[in-house]
Amino acid sequence: MVAYGASDGASPGGDEPMADGPQSAEEPGKAPGDTPDAPETEAQRRRRRAQFLRELHEAKALRDRVQPRRVKAARMRQAMRMRTFRW
């Protein structure tokens, strides 16, 4: 029998967390000068919202690529809704 993965049960990367790049000890989305008590500015809120929407769109696109049957069913439901809609 062929065993897949590590034979000793350890994860491939060990106990080290995966890092995408240099991370600071602070929260990843915060600037170093921000304090937790300071109110968020409109520009910061828009920046966070834009980042969130980009990631959401990317996640939906990934889901559509890996689950084509679900996408086709959703397209068919939408087409049925459009056909039955009355002005």
PDB file of N, CA and C in Angstrom:
ATOM      1  N   MET A   1       0.843  -1.174   0.000  1.00  0.00           N
ATOM      2  CA  MET A   1       0.000   0.000   0.000  1.00  0.00           C
ATOM      3  C   MET A   1       0.890   1.240   0.000  1.00  0.00           C
ATOM      4  N   VAL A   2       0.479   2.252  -0.764  1.00  0.00           N
ATOM      5  CA  VAL A   2       1.236   3.485  -0.860  1.00  0.00           C
ATOM      6  C   VAL A   2       0.613   4.509   0.072  1.00  0.00           C
ATOM      7  N   ALA A   3       1.445   5.112   0.909  1.00  0.00           N
ATOM      8  CA  ALA A   3       0.954   6.139   1.831  1.00  0.00           C
ATOM      9  C   ALA A   3       1.146   7.501   1.186  1.00  0.00           C
ATOM     10  N   TYR A   4       0.094   8.297   1.213  1.00  0.00           N
ATOM     11  CA  TYR A   4       0.174   9.644   0.672  1.00  0.00           C
ATOM     12  C   TYR A   4       0.405  10.624   1.794  1.00  0.00           C
ATOM     13  N   GLY A   5       1.250  11.609   1.582  1.00  0.00           N
ATOM     14  CA  GLY A   5       1.523  12.612   2.606  1.00  0.00           C
ATOM     15  C   GLY A   5       2.681  12.179   3.486  1.00  0.00           C
ATOM     16  N   ALA A   6       2.875  12.901   4.580  1.00  0.00           N
ATOM     17  CA  ALA A   6       3.979  12.610   5.498  1.00  0.00           C
ATOM     18  C   ALA A   6       3.647  11.362   6.308  1.00  0.00           C
ATOM     19  N   SER A   7       4.619  10.491   6.479  1.00  0.00           N
ATOM     20  CA  SER A   7       4.372   9.239   7.183  1.00  0.00           C
ATOM     21  C   SER A   7       4.336   9.420   8.690  1.00  0.00           C
ATOM     22  N   ASP A   8       4.960  10.483   9.219  1.00  0.00           N
ATOM     23  CA  ASP A   8       4.981  10.671  10.666  1.00  0.00           C
ATOM     24  C   ASP A   8       3.799  11.506  11.158  1.00  0.00           C
ATOM     25  N   GLY A   9       2.889  11.902  10.267  1.00  0.00           N
ATOM     26  CA  GLY A   9       1.713  12.653  10.666  1.00  0.00           C
ATOM     27  C   GLY A   9       1.946  14.148  10.775  1.00  0.00           C
ATOM     28  N   ALA A  10       3.147  14.612  10.558  1.00  0.00           N
ATOM     29  CA  ALA A  10       3.435  16.046  10.649  1.00  0.00           C
ATOM     30  C   ALA A  10       2.942  16.732   9.386  1.00  0.00           C
ATOM     31  N   SER A  11       2.593  17.989   9.513  1.00  0.00           N
ATOM     32  CA  SER A  11       2.175  18.742   8.342  1.00  0.00           C
ATOM     33  C   SER A  11       3.404  19.026   7.477  1.00  0.00           C
ATOM     34  N   PRO A  12       3.192  19.233   6.163  1.00  0.00           N
ATOM     35  CA  PRO A  12       4.345  19.430   5.273  1.00  0.00           C
ATOM     36  C   PRO A  12       5.224  20.608   5.662  1.00  0.00           C
ATOM     37  N   GLY A  13       4.656  21.643   6.227  1.00  0.00           N
ATOM     38  CA  GLY A  13       5.446  22.806   6.568  1.00  0.00           C
ATOM     39  C   GLY A  13       5.900  22.814   8.014  1.00  0.00           C
ATOM     40  N   GLY A  14       5.634  21.760   8.741  1.00  0.00           N
ATOM     41  CA  GLY A  14       5.971  21.754  10.157  1.00  0.00           C
ATOM     42  C   GLY A  14       4.981  22.607  10.922  1.00  0.00           C
ATOM     43  N   ASP A  15       5.395  23.159  12.030  1.00  0.00           N
ATOM     44  CA  ASP A  15       4.518  23.996  12.837  1.00  0.00           C
ATOM     45  C   ASP A  15       4.614  25.465  12.468  1.00  0.00           C
ATOM     46  N   GLU A  16       5.391  25.785  11.456  1.00  0.00           N
ATOM     47  CA  GLU A  16       5.570  27.165  11.028  1.00  0.00           C
ATOM     48  C   GLU A  16       4.302  27.650  10.329  1.00  0.00           C
ATOM     49  N   PRO A  17       3.789  28.839  10.646  1.00  0.00           N
ATOM     50  CA  PRO A  17       2.638  29.365   9.906  1.00  0.00           C
ATOM     51  C   PRO A  17       3.074  29.806   8.518  1.00  0.00           C
ATOM     52  N   MET A  18       2.150  29.708   7.565  1.00  0.00           N
ATOM     53  CA  MET A  18       2.468  30.130   6.207  1.00  0.00           C
ATOM     54  C   MET A  18       2.497  31.650   6.158  1.00  0.00           C
ATOM     55  N   ALA A  19       3.510  32.191   5.526  1.00  0.00           N
ATOM     56  CA  ALA A  19       3.643  33.647   5.435  1.00  0.00           C
ATOM     57  C   ALA A  19       3.733  34.036   3.967  1.00  0.00           C
ATOM     58  N   ASP A  20       2.980  35.045   3.571  1.00  0.00           N
ATOM     59  CA  ASP A  20       3.021  35.530   2.198  1.00  0.00           C
ATOM     60  C   ASP A  20       4.097  36.576   1.996  1.00  0.00           C
ATOM     61  N   GLY A  21       4.674  37.041   3.058  1.00  0.00           N
ATOM     62  CA  GLY A  21       5.689  38.080   2.961  1.00  0.00           C
ATOM     63  C   GLY A  21       5.981  38.585   4.352  1.00  0.00           C
ATOM     64  N   PRO A  22       6.756  39.651   4.438  1.00  0.00           N
ATOM     65  CA  PRO A  22       7.071  40.176   5.768  1.00  0.00           C
ATOM     66  C   PRO A  22       5.815  40.695   6.445  1.00  0.00           C
ATOM     67  N   GLN A  23       5.565  40.229   7.644  1.00  0.00           N
ATOM     68  CA  GLN A  23       4.393  40.640   8.411  1.00  0.00           C
ATOM     69  C   GLN A  23       4.858  41.357   9.660  1.00  0.00           C
ATOM     70  N   SER A  24       4.138  42.386  10.044  1.00  0.00           N
ATOM     71  CA  SER A  24       4.464  43.065  11.289  1.00  0.00           C
ATOM     72  C   SER A  24       3.675  42.416  12.410  1.00  0.00           C
ATOM     73  N   ALA A  25       4.028  42.739  13.649  1.00  0.00           N
ATOM     74  CA  ALA A  25       3.328  42.175  14.790  1.00  0.00           C
ATOM     75  C   ALA A  25       1.935  42.778  14.922  1.00  0.00           C
ATOM     76  N   GLU A  26       1.701  43.922  14.276  1.00  0.00           N
ATOM     77  CA  GLU A  26       0.396  44.557  14.332  1.00  0.00           C
ATOM     78  C   GLU A  26      -0.557  43.883  13.359  1.00  0.00           C
ATOM     79  N   GLU A  27      -1.801  44.308  13.391  1.00  0.00           N
ATOM     80  CA  GLU A  27      -2.809  43.773  12.487  1.00  0.00           C
ATOM     81  C   GLU A  27      -2.391  44.080  11.053  1.00  0.00           C
ATOM     82  N   PRO A  28      -2.540  43.107  10.111  1.00  0.00           N
ATOM     83  CA  PRO A  28      -2.012  43.287   8.759  1.00  0.00           C
ATOM     84  C   PRO A  28      -2.612  44.465   8.001  1.00  0.00           C
ATOM     85  N   GLY A  29      -3.880  44.818   8.199  1.00  0.00           N
ATOM     86  CA  GLY A  29      -4.487  45.883   7.422  1.00  0.00           C
ATOM     87  C   GLY A  29      -4.269  47.267   7.984  1.00  0.00           C
ATOM     88  N   LYS A  30      -3.623  47.385   9.104  1.00  0.00           N
ATOM     89  CA  LYS A  30      -3.461  48.684   9.766  1.00  0.00           C
ATOM     90  C   LYS A  30      -2.121  49.312   9.441  1.00  0.00           C
ATOM     91  N   ALA A  31      -2.114  50.618   9.395  1.00  0.00           N
ATOM     92  CA  ALA A  31      -0.860  51.344   9.226  1.00  0.00           C
ATOM     93  C   ALA A  31      -0.161  51.414  10.580  1.00  0.00           C
ATOM     94  N   PRO A  32       1.165  51.495  10.624  1.00  0.00           N
ATOM     95  CA  PRO A  32       1.891  51.499  11.895  1.00  0.00           C
ATOM     96  C   PRO A  32       1.491  52.636  12.827  1.00  0.00           C
ATOM     97  N   GLY A  33       1.057  53.786  12.322  1.00  0.00           N
ATOM     98  CA  GLY A  33       0.733  54.920  13.166  1.00  0.00           C
ATOM     99  C   GLY A  33      -0.687  54.903  13.713  1.00  0.00           C
ATOM    100  N   ASP A  34      -1.523  53.964  13.263  1.00  0.00           N
ATOM    101  CA  ASP A  34      -2.912  53.931  13.711  1.00  0.00           C
ATOM    102  C   ASP A  34      -3.019  53.465  15.152  1.00  0.00           C
ATOM    103  N   THR A  35      -3.904  54.102  15.883  1.00  0.00           N
ATOM    104  CA  THR A  35      -4.187  53.649  17.242  1.00  0.00           C
ATOM    105  C   THR A  35      -5.584  53.056  17.250  1.00  0.00           C
ATOM    106  N   PRO A  36      -5.858  52.092  18.104  1.00  0.00           N
ATOM    107  CA  PRO A  36      -7.170  51.451  18.095  1.00  0.00           C
ATOM    108  C   PRO A  36      -8.306  52.402  18.479  1.00  0.00           C
ATOM    109  N   ASP A  37      -8.007  53.479  19.231  1.00  0.00           N
ATOM    110  CA  ASP A  37      -9.045  54.397  19.675  1.00  0.00           C
ATOM    111  C   ASP A  37      -9.370  55.466  18.637  1.00  0.00           C
ATOM    112  N   ALA A  38      -8.488  55.671  17.667  1.00  0.00           N
ATOM    113  CA  ALA A  38      -8.689  56.724  16.678  1.00  0.00           C
ATOM    114  C   ALA A  38      -9.835  56.332  15.743  1.00  0.00           C
ATOM    115  N   PRO A  39     -10.735  57.283  15.439  1.00  0.00           N
ATOM    116  CA  PRO A  39     -11.835  56.970  14.523  1.00  0.00           C
ATOM    117  C   PRO A  39     -11.297  56.759  13.109  1.00  0.00           C
ATOM    118  N   GLU A  40     -11.956  55.870  12.383  1.00  0.00           N
ATOM    119  CA  GLU A  40     -11.528  55.549  11.027  1.00  0.00           C
ATOM    120  C   GLU A  40     -11.928  56.682  10.083  1.00  0.00           C
ATOM    121  N   THR A  41     -11.017  57.084   9.219  1.00  0.00           N
ATOM    122  CA  THR A  41     -11.336  58.142   8.272  1.00  0.00           C
ATOM    123  C   THR A  41     -12.121  57.550   7.104  1.00  0.00           C
ATOM    124  N   GLU A  42     -12.751  58.425   6.355  1.00  0.00           N
ATOM    125  CA  GLU A  42     -13.543  57.994   5.203  1.00  0.00           C
ATOM    126  C   GLU A  42     -12.654  57.298   4.161  1.00  0.00           C
ATOM    127  N   ALA A  43     -11.448  57.826   3.965  1.00  0.00           N
ATOM    128  CA  ALA A  43     -10.526  57.227   2.990  1.00  0.00           C
ATOM    129  C   ALA A  43     -10.111  55.822   3.411  1.00  0.00           C
ATOM    130  N   GLN A  44      -9.845  55.640   4.711  1.00  0.00           N
ATOM    131  CA  GLN A  44      -9.480  54.303   5.199  1.00  0.00           C
ATOM    132  C   GLN A  44     -10.636  53.327   5.019  1.00  0.00           C
ATOM    133  N   ARG A  45     -11.853  53.781   5.314  1.00  0.00           N
ATOM    134  CA  ARG A  45     -13.021  52.922   5.174  1.00  0.00           C
ATOM    135  C   ARG A  45     -13.213  52.517   3.714  1.00  0.00           C
ATOM    136  N   ARG A  46     -13.072  53.491   2.792  1.00  0.00           N
ATOM    137  CA  ARG A  46     -13.216  53.176   1.371  1.00  0.00           C
ATOM    138  C   ARG A  46     -12.128  52.224   0.903  1.00  0.00           C
ATOM    139  N   ARG A  47     -10.893  52.400   1.407  1.00  0.00           N
ATOM    140  CA  ARG A  47      -9.787  51.523   1.032  1.00  0.00           C
ATOM    141  C   ARG A  47     -10.060  50.090   1.492  1.00  0.00           C
ATOM    142  N   ARG A  48     -10.521  49.956   2.753  1.00  0.00           N
ATOM    143  CA  ARG A  48     -10.837  48.617   3.267  1.00  0.00           C
ATOM    144  C   ARG A  48     -11.988  47.988   2.493  1.00  0.00           C
ATOM    145  N   ARG A  49     -12.994  48.804   2.155  1.00  0.00           N
ATOM    146  CA  ARG A  49     -14.148  48.289   1.416  1.00  0.00           C
ATOM    147  C   ARG A  49     -13.733  47.832   0.016  1.00  0.00           C
ATOM    148  N   ALA A  50     -12.894  48.618  -0.648  1.00  0.00           N
ATOM    149  CA  ALA A  50     -12.421  48.246  -1.985  1.00  0.00           C
ATOM    150  C   ALA A  50     -11.629  46.941  -1.933  1.00  0.00           C
ATOM    151  N   GLN A  51     -10.779  46.798  -0.912  1.00  0.00           N
ATOM    152  CA  GLN A  51      -9.999  45.567  -0.756  1.00  0.00           C
ATOM    153  C   GLN A  51     -10.937  44.385  -0.537  1.00  0.00           C
ATOM    154  N   PHE A  52     -11.933  44.562   0.315  1.00  0.00           N
ATOM    155  CA  PHE A  52     -12.895  43.493   0.590  1.00  0.00           C
ATOM    156  C   PHE A  52     -13.635  43.089  -0.677  1.00  0.00           C
ATOM    157  N   LEU A  53     -14.091  44.080  -1.446  1.00  0.00           N
ATOM    158  CA  LEU A  53     -14.837  43.776  -2.666  1.00  0.00           C
ATOM    159  C   LEU A  53     -13.959  43.079  -3.701  1.00  0.00           C
ATOM    160  N   ARG A  54     -12.673  43.478  -3.784  1.00  0.00           N
ATOM    161  CA  ARG A  54     -11.756  42.789  -4.701  1.00  0.00           C
ATOM    162  C   ARG A  54     -11.619  41.318  -4.318  1.00  0.00           C
ATOM    163  N   GLU A  55     -11.416  41.065  -3.012  1.00  0.00           N
ATOM    164  CA  GLU A  55     -11.251  39.688  -2.551  1.00  0.00           C
ATOM    165  C   GLU A  55     -12.530  38.882  -2.728  1.00  0.00           C
ATOM    166  N   LEU A  56     -13.685  39.515  -2.513  1.00  0.00           N
ATOM    167  CA  LEU A  56     -14.963  38.836  -2.695  1.00  0.00           C
ATOM    168  C   LEU A  56     -15.148  38.444  -4.158  1.00  0.00           C
ATOM    169  N   HIS A  57     -14.843  39.374  -5.072  1.00  0.00           N
ATOM    170  CA  HIS A  57     -14.965  39.082  -6.499  1.00  0.00           C
ATOM    171  C   HIS A  57     -14.025  37.942  -6.902  1.00  0.00           C
ATOM    172  N   GLU A  58     -12.809  37.960  -6.369  1.00  0.00           N
ATOM    173  CA  GLU A  58     -11.842  36.905  -6.670  1.00  0.00           C
ATOM    174  C   GLU A  58     -12.335  35.550  -6.156  1.00  0.00           C
ATOM    175  N   ALA A  59     -12.914  35.531  -4.959  1.00  0.00           N
ATOM    176  CA  ALA A  59     -13.420  34.284  -4.389  1.00  0.00           C
ATOM    177  C   ALA A  59     -14.594  33.745  -5.207  1.00  0.00           C
ATOM    178  N   LYS A  60     -15.473  34.634  -5.663  1.00  0.00           N
ATOM    179  CA  LYS A  60     -16.603  34.194  -6.484  1.00  0.00           C
ATOM    180  C   LYS A  60     -16.125  33.644  -7.819  1.00  0.00           C
ATOM    181  N   ALA A  61     -15.125  34.298  -8.411  1.00  0.00           N
ATOM    182  CA  ALA A  61     -14.582  33.821  -9.686  1.00  0.00           C
ATOM    183  C   ALA A  61     -13.941  32.448  -9.518  1.00  0.00           C
ATOM    184  N   LEU A  62     -13.239  32.251  -8.407  1.00  0.00           N
ATOM    185  CA  LEU A  62     -12.631  30.951  -8.140  1.00  0.00           C
ATOM    186  C   LEU A  62     -13.708  29.885  -7.979  1.00  0.00           C
ATOM    187  N   ARG A  63     -14.760  30.207  -7.223  1.00  0.00           N
ATOM    188  CA  ARG A  63     -15.851  29.245  -7.027  1.00  0.00           C
ATOM    189  C   ARG A  63     -16.500  28.896  -8.358  1.00  0.00           C
ATOM    190  N   ASP A  64     -16.675  29.888  -9.228  1.00  0.00           N
ATOM    191  CA  ASP A  64     -17.270  29.629 -10.536  1.00  0.00           C
ATOM    192  C   ASP A  64     -16.392  28.721 -11.381  1.00  0.00           C
ATOM    193  N   ARG A  65     -15.072  28.869 -11.257  1.00  0.00           N
ATOM    194  CA  ARG A  65     -14.168  28.013 -12.035  1.00  0.00           C
ATOM    195  C   ARG A  65     -14.169  26.579 -11.532  1.00  0.00           C
ATOM    196  N   VAL A  66     -14.245  26.389 -10.220  1.00  0.00           N
ATOM    197  CA  VAL A  66     -14.127  25.032  -9.693  1.00  0.00           C
ATOM    198  C   VAL A  66     -15.477  24.322  -9.587  1.00  0.00           C
ATOM    199  N   GLN A  67     -16.598  25.048  -9.735  1.00  0.00           N
ATOM    200  CA  GLN A  67     -17.922  24.427  -9.677  1.00  0.00           C
ATOM    201  C   GLN A  67     -18.753  24.851 -10.879  1.00  0.00           C
ATOM    202  N   PRO A  68     -18.376  24.410 -12.081  1.00  0.00           N
ATOM    203  CA  PRO A  68     -19.075  24.866 -13.281  1.00  0.00           C
ATOM    204  C   PRO A  68     -20.551  24.443 -13.310  1.00  0.00           C
ATOM    205  N   ARG A  69     -20.885  23.307 -12.675  1.00  0.00           N
ATOM    206  CA  ARG A  69     -22.277  22.856 -12.693  1.00  0.00           C
ATOM    207  C   ARG A  69     -23.169  23.830 -11.915  1.00  0.00           C
ATOM    208  N   ARG A  70     -22.655  24.318 -10.793  1.00  0.00           N
ATOM    209  CA  ARG A  70     -23.417  25.294  -9.998  1.00  0.00           C
ATOM    210  C   ARG A  70     -23.631  26.590 -10.786  1.00  0.00           C
ATOM    211  N   VAL A  71     -22.606  26.998 -11.528  1.00  0.00           N
ATOM    212  CA  VAL A  71     -22.707  28.226 -12.312  1.00  0.00           C
ATOM    213  C   VAL A  71     -23.746  28.062 -13.414  1.00  0.00           C
ATOM    214  N   LYS A  72     -23.745  26.901 -14.053  1.00  0.00           N
ATOM    215  CA  LYS A  72     -24.720  26.666 -15.128  1.00  0.00           C
ATOM    216  C   LYS A  72     -26.137  26.670 -14.562  1.00  0.00           C
ATOM    217  N   ALA A  73     -26.338  26.032 -13.414  1.00  0.00           N
ATOM    218  CA  ALA A  73     -27.663  26.006 -12.792  1.00  0.00           C
ATOM    219  C   ALA A  73     -28.109  27.422 -12.416  1.00  0.00           C
ATOM    220  N   ALA A  74     -27.201  28.233 -11.884  1.00  0.00           N
ATOM    221  CA  ALA A  74     -27.531  29.609 -11.521  1.00  0.00           C
ATOM    222  C   ALA A  74     -27.892  30.417 -12.759  1.00  0.00           C
ATOM    223  N   ARG A  75     -27.164  30.188 -13.859  1.00  0.00           N
ATOM    224  CA  ARG A  75     -27.463  30.884 -15.110  1.00  0.00           C
ATOM    225  C   ARG A  75     -28.859  30.495 -15.624  1.00  0.00           C
ATOM    226  N   MET A  76     -29.195  29.207 -15.509  1.00  0.00           N
ATOM    227  CA  MET A  76     -30.510  28.744 -15.952  1.00  0.00           C
ATOM    228  C   MET A  76     -31.624  29.342 -15.083  1.00  0.00           C
ATOM    229  N   ARG A  77     -31.400  29.416 -13.770  1.00  0.00           N
ATOM    230  CA  ARG A  77     -32.405  30.022 -12.889  1.00  0.00           C
ATOM    231  C   ARG A  77     -32.602  31.494 -13.217  1.00  0.00           C
ATOM    232  N   GLN A  78     -31.521  32.197 -13.464  1.00  0.00           N
ATOM    233  CA  GLN A  78     -31.607  33.618 -13.815  1.00  0.00           C
ATOM    234  C   GLN A  78     -32.356  33.794 -15.135  1.00  0.00           C
ATOM    235  N   ALA A  79     -32.085  32.933 -16.117  1.00  0.00           N
ATOM    236  CA  ALA A  79     -32.777  33.021 -17.400  1.00  0.00           C
ATOM    237  C   ALA A  79     -34.275  32.772 -17.210  1.00  0.00           C
ATOM    238  N   MET A  80     -34.631  31.820 -16.354  1.00  0.00           N
ATOM    239  CA  MET A  80     -36.043  31.548 -16.083  1.00  0.00           C
ATOM    240  C   MET A  80     -36.697  32.760 -15.408  1.00  0.00           C
ATOM    241  N   ARG A  81     -36.002  33.385 -14.478  1.00  0.00           N
ATOM    242  CA  ARG A  81     -36.531  34.582 -13.828  1.00  0.00           C
ATOM    243  C   ARG A  81     -36.776  35.688 -14.849  1.00  0.00           C
ATOM    244  N   MET A  82     -35.833  35.850 -15.764  1.00  0.00           N
ATOM    245  CA  MET A  82     -35.974  36.911 -16.760  1.00  0.00           C
ATOM    246  C   MET A  82     -37.120  36.622 -17.707  1.00  0.00           C
ATOM    247  N   ARG A  83     -37.360  35.346 -18.059  1.00  0.00           N
ATOM    248  CA  ARG A  83     -38.451  34.996 -18.959  1.00  0.00           C
ATOM    249  C   ARG A  83     -39.811  35.198 -18.306  1.00  0.00           C
ATOM    250  N   THR A  84     -39.895  34.980 -16.999  1.00  0.00           N
ATOM    251  CA  THR A  84     -41.194  35.067 -16.324  1.00  0.00           C
ATOM    252  C   THR A  84     -41.484  36.443 -15.765  1.00  0.00           C
ATOM    253  N   PHE A  85     -40.552  37.382 -15.873  1.00  0.00           N
ATOM    254  CA  PHE A  85     -40.751  38.725 -15.353  1.00  0.00           C
ATOM    255  C   PHE A  85     -41.703  39.495 -16.253  1.00  0.00           C
ATOM    256  N   ARG A  86     -42.658  40.183 -15.635  1.00  0.00           N
ATOM    257  CA  ARG A  86     -43.604  40.994 -16.431  1.00  0.00           C
ATOM    258  C   ARG A  86     -43.373  42.469 -16.119  1.00  0.00           C
ATOM    259  N   TRP A  87     -43.402  43.299 -17.150  1.00  0.00           N
ATOM    260  CA  TRP A  87     -43.197  44.736 -16.981  1.00  0.00           C
ATOM    261  C   TRP A  87     -44.443  45.383 -16.476  1.00  0.00           C
TER     262      TRP A  87
END
